[in-house]
Structure formats: C-alpha cells, structure tokens
C-alpha atoms as a PDB file:
ATOM      1  CA  MET A   1      14.010  37.754  41.174  1.00  0.00           C
ATOM      2  CA  SER A   2      12.434  40.205  38.775  1.00  0.00           C
ATOM      3  CA  THR A   3      13.683  43.690  38.302  1.00  0.00           C
ATOM      4  CA  ASP A   4      10.272  45.077  39.349  1.00  0.00           C
ATOM      5  CA  ASN A   5      10.475  43.282  42.709  1.00  0.00           C
ATOM      6  CA  ASN A   6      13.967  44.673  43.313  1.00  0.00           C
ATOM      7  CA  ILE A   7      12.751  48.178  42.602  1.00  0.00           C
ATOM      8  CA  ASP A   8       9.724  47.777  44.881  1.00  0.00           C
ATOM      9  CA  ARG A   9      11.871  46.498  47.716  1.00  0.00           C
ATOM     10  CA  GLU A  10      14.337  49.385  47.355  1.00  0.00           C
ATOM     11  CA  LEU A  11      11.500  51.904  47.338  1.00  0.00           C
ATOM     12  CA  ARG A  12      10.074  50.382  50.540  1.00  0.00           C
ATOM     13  CA  ARG A  13      13.514  50.541  52.170  1.00  0.00           C
ATOM     14  CA  LEU A  14      13.978  54.198  51.275  1.00  0.00           C
ATOM     15  CA  LYS A  15      10.452  55.030  52.428  1.00  0.00           C
ATOM     16  CA  ASN A  16      11.028  53.506  55.856  1.00  0.00           C
ATOM     17  CA  TYR A  17      14.573  54.763  56.280  1.00  0.00           C
ATOM     18  CA  SER A  18      15.322  57.551  58.708  1.00  0.00           C
ATOM     19  CA  GLN A  19      18.779  58.736  59.569  1.00  0.00           C
ATOM     20  CA  PRO A  20      19.403  58.926  63.337  1.00  0.00           C
ATOM     21  CA  ASN A  21      20.572  62.161  64.880  1.00  0.00           C
ATOM     22  CA  ILE A  22      24.324  62.218  65.218  1.00  0.00           C
ATOM     23  CA  ASN A  23      25.436  64.112  68.278  1.00  0.00           C
ATOM     24  CA  VAL A  24      29.129  64.802  67.732  1.00  0.00           C
ATOM     25  CA  ASP A  25      31.068  66.505  70.502  1.00  0.00           C
ATOM     26  CA  GLY A  26      33.451  69.096  69.156  1.00  0.00           C
ATOM     27  CA  PHE A  27      31.905  68.828  65.693  1.00  0.00           C
ATOM     28  CA  SER A  28      33.731  70.938  63.101  1.00  0.00           C
ATOM     29  CA  ASN A  29      34.411  71.209  59.412  1.00  0.00           C
ATOM     30  CA  ARG A  30      37.491  68.999  59.812  1.00  0.00           C
ATOM     31  CA  ASN A  31      35.677  65.825  60.842  1.00  0.00           C
ATOM     32  CA  LEU A  32      33.079  65.956  58.070  1.00  0.00           C
ATOM     33  CA  SER A  33      34.087  64.453  54.723  1.00  0.00           C
ATOM     34  CA  GLU A  34      33.449  66.196  51.435  1.00  0.00           C
ATOM     35  CA  GLY A  35      29.866  65.580  50.317  1.00  0.00           C
ATOM     36  CA  ASP A  36      28.731  64.245  53.702  1.00  0.00           C
ATOM     37  CA  LEU A  37      25.281  65.156  54.969  1.00  0.00           C
ATOM     38  CA  LYS A  38      24.885  64.723  58.723  1.00  0.00           C
ATOM     39  CA  PHE A  39      22.583  65.806  61.515  1.00  0.00           C
ATOM     40  CA  THR A  40      23.930  67.113  64.792  1.00  0.00           C
ATOM     41  CA  LYS A  41      22.129  68.510  67.801  1.00  0.00           C
ATOM     42  CA  ASP A  42      22.901  71.341  70.190  1.00  0.00           C
ATOM     43  CA  LYS A  43      20.961  72.059  73.406  1.00  0.00           C
ATOM     44  CA  THR A  44      17.720  72.968  71.637  1.00  0.00           C
ATOM     45  CA  ASN A  45      18.097  72.665  67.857  1.00  0.00           C
ATOM     46  CA  LEU A  46      18.536  69.994  65.225  1.00  0.00           C
ATOM     47  CA  ILE A  47      21.200  71.023  62.723  1.00  0.00           C
ATOM     48  CA  LEU A  48      21.667  69.694  59.200  1.00  0.00           C
ATOM     49  CA  ASN A  49      25.327  69.868  58.110  1.00  0.00           C
ATOM     50  CA  LYS A  50      26.619  69.577  54.568  1.00  0.00           C
ATOM     51  CA  LYS A  51      30.205  69.822  53.397  1.00  0.00           C
ATOM     52  CA  HIS A  52      30.513  71.222  49.877  1.00  0.00           C
ATOM     53  CA  LYS A  53      33.788  72.254  48.222  1.00  0.00           C
ATOM     54  CA  GLY A  54      35.522  72.362  51.597  1.00  0.00           C
ATOM     55  CA  LEU A  55      32.938  74.648  53.186  1.00  0.00           C
ATOM     56  CA  LEU A  56      30.459  73.720  55.910  1.00  0.00           C
ATOM     57  CA  TRP A  57      26.820  74.578  55.220  1.00  0.00           C
ATOM     58  CA  GLN A  58      24.256  74.425  58.019  1.00  0.00           C
ATOM     59  CA  SER A  59      20.529  74.719  58.465  1.00  0.00           C
ATOM     60  CA  LYS A  60      18.772  74.685  61.840  1.00  0.00           C
ATOM     61  CA  PHE A  61      15.408  73.092  62.629  1.00  0.00           C
ATOM     62  CA  TYR A  62      13.179  74.134  65.530  1.00  0.00           C
ATOM     63  CA  LYS A  63      10.406  72.072  67.122  1.00  0.00           C
ATOM     64  CA  ASP A  64       8.405  75.046  68.498  1.00  0.00           C
ATOM     65  CA  GLY A  65       7.809  76.880  65.212  1.00  0.00           C
ATOM     66  CA  ASN A  66      10.278  79.683  65.945  1.00  0.00           C
ATOM     67  CA  GLN A  67      13.079  80.593  63.572  1.00  0.00           C
ATOM     68  CA  ILE A  68      16.341  82.205  64.664  1.00  0.00           C
ATOM     69  CA  VAL A  69      18.724  83.944  62.260  1.00  0.00           C
ATOM     70  CA  ASP A  70      22.226  84.138  63.715  1.00  0.00           C
ATOM     71  CA  LYS A  71      23.355  86.969  61.444  1.00  0.00           C
ATOM     72  CA  ASN A  72      21.727  89.266  58.871  1.00  0.00           C
ATOM     73  CA  LEU A  73      18.378  88.637  57.180  1.00  0.00           C
ATOM     74  CA  THR A  74      17.746  90.025  53.701  1.00  0.00           C
ATOM     75  CA  VAL A  75      14.137  90.154  52.472  1.00  0.00           C
ATOM     76  CA  GLY A  76      13.674  90.551  48.742  1.00  0.00           C
ATOM     77  CA  GLY A  77       9.923  91.192  48.915  1.00  0.00           C
ATOM     78  CA  ASN A  78       7.420  92.408  51.487  1.00  0.00           C
ATOM     79  CA  LEU A  79       7.773  91.722  55.210  1.00  0.00           C
ATOM     80  CA  ASP A  80       4.342  90.863  56.614  1.00  0.00           C
ATOM     81  CA  VAL A  81       4.407  90.835  60.421  1.00  0.00           C
ATOM     82  CA  LYS A  82       1.320  89.747  62.357  1.00  0.00           C
ATOM     83  CA  GLY A  83       2.874  90.339  65.784  1.00  0.00           C
ATOM     84  CA  HIS A  84       5.239  93.008  67.061  1.00  0.00           C
ATOM     85  CA  ILE A  85       8.651  94.125  65.841  1.00  0.00           C
ATOM     86  CA  VAL A  86      10.908  94.418  68.876  1.00  0.00           C
ATOM     87  CA  GLY A  87      14.631  94.862  69.410  1.00  0.00           C
ATOM     88  CA  ASN A  88      16.853  97.690  68.209  1.00  0.00           C
ATOM     89  CA  THR A  89      15.385 100.031  65.618  1.00  0.00           C
ATOM     90  CA  PHE A  90      15.983 103.594  64.424  1.00  0.00           C
ATOM     91  CA  LYS A  91      13.837 106.683  65.005  1.00  0.00           C
ATOM     92  CA  ILE A  92      14.154 110.035  63.236  1.00  0.00           C
ATOM     93  CA  ILE A  93      13.042 113.109  65.216  1.00  0.00           C
ATOM     94  CA  PRO A  94      12.854 116.702  63.865  1.00  0.00           C
ATOM     95  CA  HIS A  95      13.896 119.691  65.991  1.00  0.00           C
ATOM     96  CA  ASN A  96      13.222 122.499  63.504  1.00  0.00           C
ATOM     97  CA  MET A  97      13.028 125.971  64.979  1.00  0.00           C
ATOM     98  CA  GLN A  98      13.579 129.664  64.360  1.00  0.00           C
ATOM     99  CA  ALA A  99      15.764 131.349  66.953  1.00  0.00           C
ATOM    100  CA  GLU A 100      18.412 133.991  67.472  1.00  0.00           C
ATOM    101  CA  ILE A 101      21.588 132.242  68.563  1.00  0.00           C
ATOM    102  CA  ASN A 102      23.775 134.466  70.699  1.00  0.00           C
ATOM    103  CA  LEU A 103      25.717 133.434  73.782  1.00  0.00           C
ATOM    104  CA  ASP A 104      22.651 132.015  75.531  1.00  0.00           C
ATOM    105  CA  GLU A 105      21.940 128.292  75.652  1.00  0.00           C
ATOM    106  CA  VAL A 106      18.910 127.271  73.592  1.00  0.00           C
ATOM    107  CA  PHE A 107      17.008 123.995  74.148  1.00  0.00           C
ATOM    108  CA  LEU A 108      15.799 122.403  70.934  1.00  0.00           C
ATOM    109  CA  PRO A 109      12.139 121.543  70.446  1.00  0.00           C
ATOM    110  CA  TRP A 110      11.146 117.929  69.876  1.00  0.00           C
ATOM    111  CA  PHE A 111       9.129 117.370  66.682  1.00  0.00           C
ATOM    112  CA  GLY A 112       9.547 121.007  65.698  1.00  0.00           C
ATOM    113  CA  VAL A 113       7.240 122.830  68.146  1.00  0.00           C
ATOM    114  CA  LYS A 114       9.132 125.674  69.874  1.00  0.00           C
ATOM    115  CA  GLN A 115      12.523 126.039  71.517  1.00  0.00           C
ATOM    116  CA  ALA A 116      12.914 126.960  75.207  1.00  0.00           C
ATOM    117  CA  SER A 117      15.533 128.151  77.686  1.00  0.00           C
ATOM    118  CA  ASP A 118      15.565 125.012  79.870  1.00  0.00           C
ATOM    119  CA  LEU A 119      14.037 121.549  80.357  1.00  0.00           C
ATOM    120  CA  THR A 120      10.884 122.847  82.018  1.00  0.00           C
ATOM    121  CA  GLY A 121       9.417 123.963  78.684  1.00  0.00           C
ATOM    122  CA  VAL A 122       6.557 121.927  77.243  1.00  0.00           C
ATOM    123  CA  SER A 123       8.280 121.269  73.922  1.00  0.00           C
ATOM    124  CA  SER A 124      11.930 121.299  75.025  1.00  0.00           C
ATOM    125  CA  SER A 125      11.749 117.991  76.908  1.00  0.00           C
ATOM    126  CA  PHE A 126      10.963 114.476  75.757  1.00  0.00           C
ATOM    127  CA  LEU A 127       9.982 111.564  77.996  1.00  0.00           C
ATOM    128  CA  ALA A 128      11.997 108.557  76.800  1.00  0.00           C
ATOM    129  CA  PRO A 129       9.704 105.521  76.311  1.00  0.00           C
ATOM    130  CA  TYR A 130      12.663 103.132  75.864  1.00  0.00           C
ATOM    131  CA  SER A 131      16.438 103.261  76.092  1.00  0.00           C
ATOM    132  CA  MET A 132      17.613 105.449  73.218  1.00  0.00           C
ATOM    133  CA  THR A 133      21.095 106.307  71.937  1.00  0.00           C
ATOM    134  CA  LEU A 134      21.872 109.279  69.718  1.00  0.00           C
ATOM    135  CA  LYS A 135      23.534 108.094  66.500  1.00  0.00           C
ATOM    136  CA  LYS A 136      23.838 111.542  64.938  1.00  0.00           C
ATOM    137  CA  ILE A 137      22.292 115.005  64.928  1.00  0.00           C
ATOM    138  CA  MET A 138      22.235 117.063  61.719  1.00  0.00           C
ATOM    139  CA  PHE A 139      21.982 120.823  61.300  1.00  0.00           C
ATOM    140  CA  ARG A 140      21.372 123.248  58.447  1.00  0.00           C
ATOM    141  CA  PRO A 141      20.979 126.930  59.488  1.00  0.00           C
ATOM    142  CA  SER A 142      19.419 129.297  56.978  1.00  0.00           C
ATOM    143  CA  ALA A 143      22.037 132.011  57.523  1.00  0.00           C
ATOM    144  CA  ILE A 144      24.865 132.963  59.858  1.00  0.00           C
ATOM    145  CA  SER A 145      25.468 136.679  59.494  1.00  0.00           C
ATOM    146  CA  SER A 146      28.345 137.147  61.903  1.00  0.00           C
ATOM    147  CA  ASN A 147      30.922 135.271  64.008  1.00  0.00           C
ATOM    148  CA  ALA A 148      30.596 132.235  61.752  1.00  0.00           C
ATOM    149  CA  SER A 149      33.921 131.009  63.062  1.00  0.00           C
ATOM    150  CA  SER A 150      32.520 130.470  66.569  1.00  0.00           C
ATOM    151  CA  ASP A 151      32.144 126.913  67.875  1.00  0.00           C
ATOM    152  CA  LEU A 152      28.689 125.439  68.433  1.00  0.00           C
ATOM    153  CA  THR A 153      28.359 123.097  71.433  1.00  0.00           C
ATOM    154  CA  VAL A 154      25.605 120.482  71.607  1.00  0.00           C
ATOM    155  CA  LYS A 155      24.654 119.106  75.037  1.00  0.00           C
ATOM    156  CA  LEU A 156      22.345 116.277  76.055  1.00  0.00           C
ATOM    157  CA  TYR A 157      20.564 116.666  79.396  1.00  0.00           C
ATOM    158  CA  LYS A 158      18.311 114.426  81.459  1.00  0.00           C
ATOM    159  CA  MET A 159      16.235 114.402  84.608  1.00  0.00           C
ATOM    160  CA  ASP A 160      15.992 110.917  86.116  1.00  0.00           C
ATOM    161  CA  ASP A 161      12.699 109.439  87.243  1.00  0.00           C
ATOM    162  CA  GLY A 162      11.788 110.961  90.622  1.00  0.00           C
ATOM    163  CA  ASP A 163      14.589 113.523  90.396  1.00  0.00           C
ATOM    164  CA  ALA A 164      14.320 117.231  89.526  1.00  0.00           C
ATOM    165  CA  ILE A 165      18.100 117.630  89.154  1.00  0.00           C
ATOM    166  CA  VAL A 166      19.283 118.185  85.578  1.00  0.00           C
ATOM    167  CA  ASP A 167      22.382 116.186  84.612  1.00  0.00           C
ATOM    168  CA  ILE A 168      24.574 116.547  81.544  1.00  0.00           C
ATOM    169  CA  VAL A 169      24.709 113.214  79.700  1.00  0.00           C
ATOM    170  CA  ALA A 170      27.155 114.122  76.932  1.00  0.00           C
ATOM    171  CA  ARG A 171      28.459 117.059  74.945  1.00  0.00           C
ATOM    172  CA  GLY A 172      30.002 117.552  71.529  1.00  0.00           C
ATOM    173  CA  THR A 173      31.336 120.584  69.674  1.00  0.00           C
ATOM    174  CA  GLN A 174      31.063 121.530  66.024  1.00  0.00           C
ATOM    175  CA  GLN A 175      34.349 123.127  65.013  1.00  0.00           C
ATOM    176  CA  PRO A 176      34.324 126.680  63.554  1.00  0.00           C
ATOM    177  CA  ASP A 177      33.380 126.033  59.932  1.00  0.00           C
ATOM    178  CA  LEU A 178      29.673 126.870  60.078  1.00  0.00           C
ATOM    179  CA  ALA A 179      28.019 128.595  57.145  1.00  0.00           C
ATOM    180  CA  GLY A 180      24.489 129.470  56.120  1.00  0.00           C
ATOM    181  CA  ASP A 181      22.503 126.881  54.111  1.00  0.00           C
ATOM    182  CA  THR A 182      25.257 124.353  54.789  1.00  0.00           C
ATOM    183  CA  PHE A 183      24.778 120.890  56.237  1.00  0.00           C
ATOM    184  CA  PHE A 184      26.870 119.701  59.168  1.00  0.00           C
ATOM    185  CA  VAL A 185      26.560 116.738  61.511  1.00  0.00           C
ATOM    186  CA  LEU A 186      27.715 115.540  64.914  1.00  0.00           C
ATOM    187  CA  ASN A 187      28.027 111.766  65.171  1.00  0.00           C
ATOM    188  CA  ARG A 188      27.925 109.624  68.293  1.00  0.00           C
ATOM    189  CA  SER A 189      31.726 109.424  68.267  1.00  0.00           C
ATOM    190  CA  ASP A 190      31.983 113.242  68.464  1.00  0.00           C
ATOM    191  CA  PHE A 191      30.533 113.307  72.000  1.00  0.00           C
ATOM    192  CA  ASP A 192      32.631 113.071  75.156  1.00  0.00           C
ATOM    193  CA  ASN A 193      30.346 110.438  76.694  1.00  0.00           C
ATOM    194  CA  ASN A 194      27.813 107.865  75.525  1.00  0.00           C
ATOM    195  CA  PRO A 195      24.808 109.984  74.370  1.00  0.00           C
ATOM    196  CA  LYS A 196      22.176 107.618  75.759  1.00  0.00           C
ATOM    197  CA  PHE A 197      18.893 108.132  77.603  1.00  0.00           C
ATOM    198  CA  GLU A 198      17.115 105.461  79.639  1.00  0.00           C
ATOM    199  CA  MET A 199      13.392 104.742  79.854  1.00  0.00           C
ATOM    200  CA  GLY A 200      11.682 107.360  82.011  1.00  0.00           C
ATOM    201  CA  ASP A 201      14.376 110.020  81.567  1.00  0.00           C
ATOM    202  CA  ASN A 202      13.146 113.541  80.895  1.00  0.00           C
ATOM    203  CA  CYS A 203      15.440 114.376  77.962  1.00  0.00           C
ATOM    204  CA  GLY A 204      16.651 117.579  76.416  1.00  0.00           C
ATOM    205  CA  ILE A 205      19.114 118.786  73.765  1.00  0.00           C
ATOM    206  CA  SER A 206      20.674 122.233  73.796  1.00  0.00           C
ATOM    207  CA  ILE A 207      22.962 124.236  71.530  1.00  0.00           C
ATOM    208  CA  GLN A 208      25.176 127.109  72.609  1.00  0.00           C
ATOM    209  CA  ALA A 209      27.421 129.246  70.415  1.00  0.00           C
ATOM    210  CA  ALA A 210      30.747 130.755  71.450  1.00  0.00           C
ATOM    211  CA  GLY A 211      29.774 133.921  69.569  1.00  0.00           C
ATOM    212  CA  ASP A 212      26.677 135.779  68.370  1.00  0.00           C
ATOM    213  CA  TYR A 213      25.428 134.385  65.056  1.00  0.00           C
ATOM    214  CA  GLY A 214      23.443 137.514  64.329  1.00  0.00           C
ATOM    215  CA  SER A 215      19.714 137.821  63.709  1.00  0.00           C
ATOM    216  CA  SER A 216      17.006 135.175  63.904  1.00  0.00           C
ATOM    217  CA  ILE A 217      17.888 132.008  62.008  1.00  0.00           C
ATOM    218  CA  VAL A 218      15.728 129.195  60.681  1.00  0.00           C
ATOM    219  CA  TRP A 219      17.316 125.933  61.815  1.00  0.00           C
ATOM    220  CA  LYS A 220      16.563 122.610  60.113  1.00  0.00           C
ATOM    221  CA  ILE A 221      17.658 120.018  62.690  1.00  0.00           C
ATOM    222  CA  THR A 222      17.150 116.242  62.688  1.00  0.00           C
ATOM    223  CA  SER A 223      18.350 113.657  65.192  1.00  0.00           C
ATOM    224  CA  VAL A 224      18.660 109.905  64.581  1.00  0.00           C
ATOM    225  CA  TRP A 225      18.270 107.524  67.530  1.00  0.00           C
ATOM    226  CA  GLU A 226      18.783 103.822  68.060  1.00  0.00           C
ATOM    227  CA  ILE A 227      15.812 102.651  70.133  1.00  0.00           C
ATOM    228  CA  GLU A 228      15.803  99.435  72.195  1.00  0.00           C
ATOM    229  CA  ILE A 229      12.141  98.412  71.982  1.00  0.00           C
ATOM    230  CA  LYS A 230      11.017  95.837  74.534  1.00  0.00           C
ATOM    231  CA  ILE A 231       7.489  94.517  75.034  1.00  0.00           C
END
C-alpha cells in the first residue's frame, strides 16, 4: 500500500474522530495522568481537563452562549458591554459642606447640597435605590480652631419604607487626633454594627463632636459604598 494512501486514510480517521464525553464521578487531579486531556461533565457544563506538570488545568464550555468566570477576570483592553452591568459595584458620593460644628448633631448633605439638623431636610436624606453598604467615609476639615482633641462621632440613620420612625443603623467614632487640613477616615470595621441600608430606606449620615470646634469650617467629605445592583 502506498504511503499516500496511508496518509489519506489517517487523515480521514482523524477527521471523523470525536472523543466521547467522560463523566467521572469524584474526578480529581489524582486520577488524571500527566499529559492526559479528558472531557468531563457536571450538571450543566462540559469541562476540558488537562494535566500539565502535576497541575490540573480546566476550561468550561457552555451550550447557551453564556460564560461564567468562577474567580477574578482581568481585562487588558476595553470592556464593551451591550447589556447591563449588574452585581456588586462601588459608588462614590460627596457630602461637602460648610458648617459650624459645636455640640449639636449635623446631618451631612448628599452630593454636596446643604447640611440639615435631621432627616426631614431635602438634602440631608437619600432614598436608597438598592442595598448599599458603607465601605468608608473620609473627612478633611479646613480648620479646627479649638477643642481639637474632642471625639467626632459618625452615625448612620434610616427610616424604613412606610415608617416615620428614625432608627440608628450604626455608629463609629474618630478618636481625638483631628487637625485642620488633615485627612482622616472611618472604615466599615470602625462601626459598631453593619453600616448597611436596604432598598427603599430613607438614609442619613450625621456627625457630632464632643466639643466645640470653633467657627464655621469647610468640610470635604466623601463616602464610598458597595452597591448591590439588581435588574
């Protein structure tokens, strides 16, 4: 038989060859030999498994066009999304204001409009569109002319849907090391409770000093929230 015929027959065999799915119960790195390439199947996905230098490499295939990434996804170029981006994301909200901080509680404005004395103010409350958790809130006062050693307490308030009662969600205290034109931050872990609002909550943030900070101060304040966006 000629060499050309042997080659043609081998090419036809390879062209028509398909490896069957191998459904292995309890499949693990141990029962796959070095260099092996095998398909397995879970409830919904076809999985290609390859053992290379003792490590198991896997790639999943989906019949409906969806792709699922079990862990992190790094994109080196642009991310072009034709639909919606849902899930957990981060939102930065400014609360800049100018106010005299004495012993009275001051409610921060949302998006830097104007502070108020309670949650009934137009700018002191925010209607939560989704569940949102405070990751950190950052402050930088322009000046603190007196009693700079006094603590500053930050409180999160809410009014539930259909309820006019104001509840304290969480509170945290900045220890007495405040100074003018100096950055300080309260993180989520600094609060005594989970600083989280639910969809429909009427939200507010207040600050209250243990002593009089003096005259009117320009406050640069920014909060960072983790938002659970659902369509």
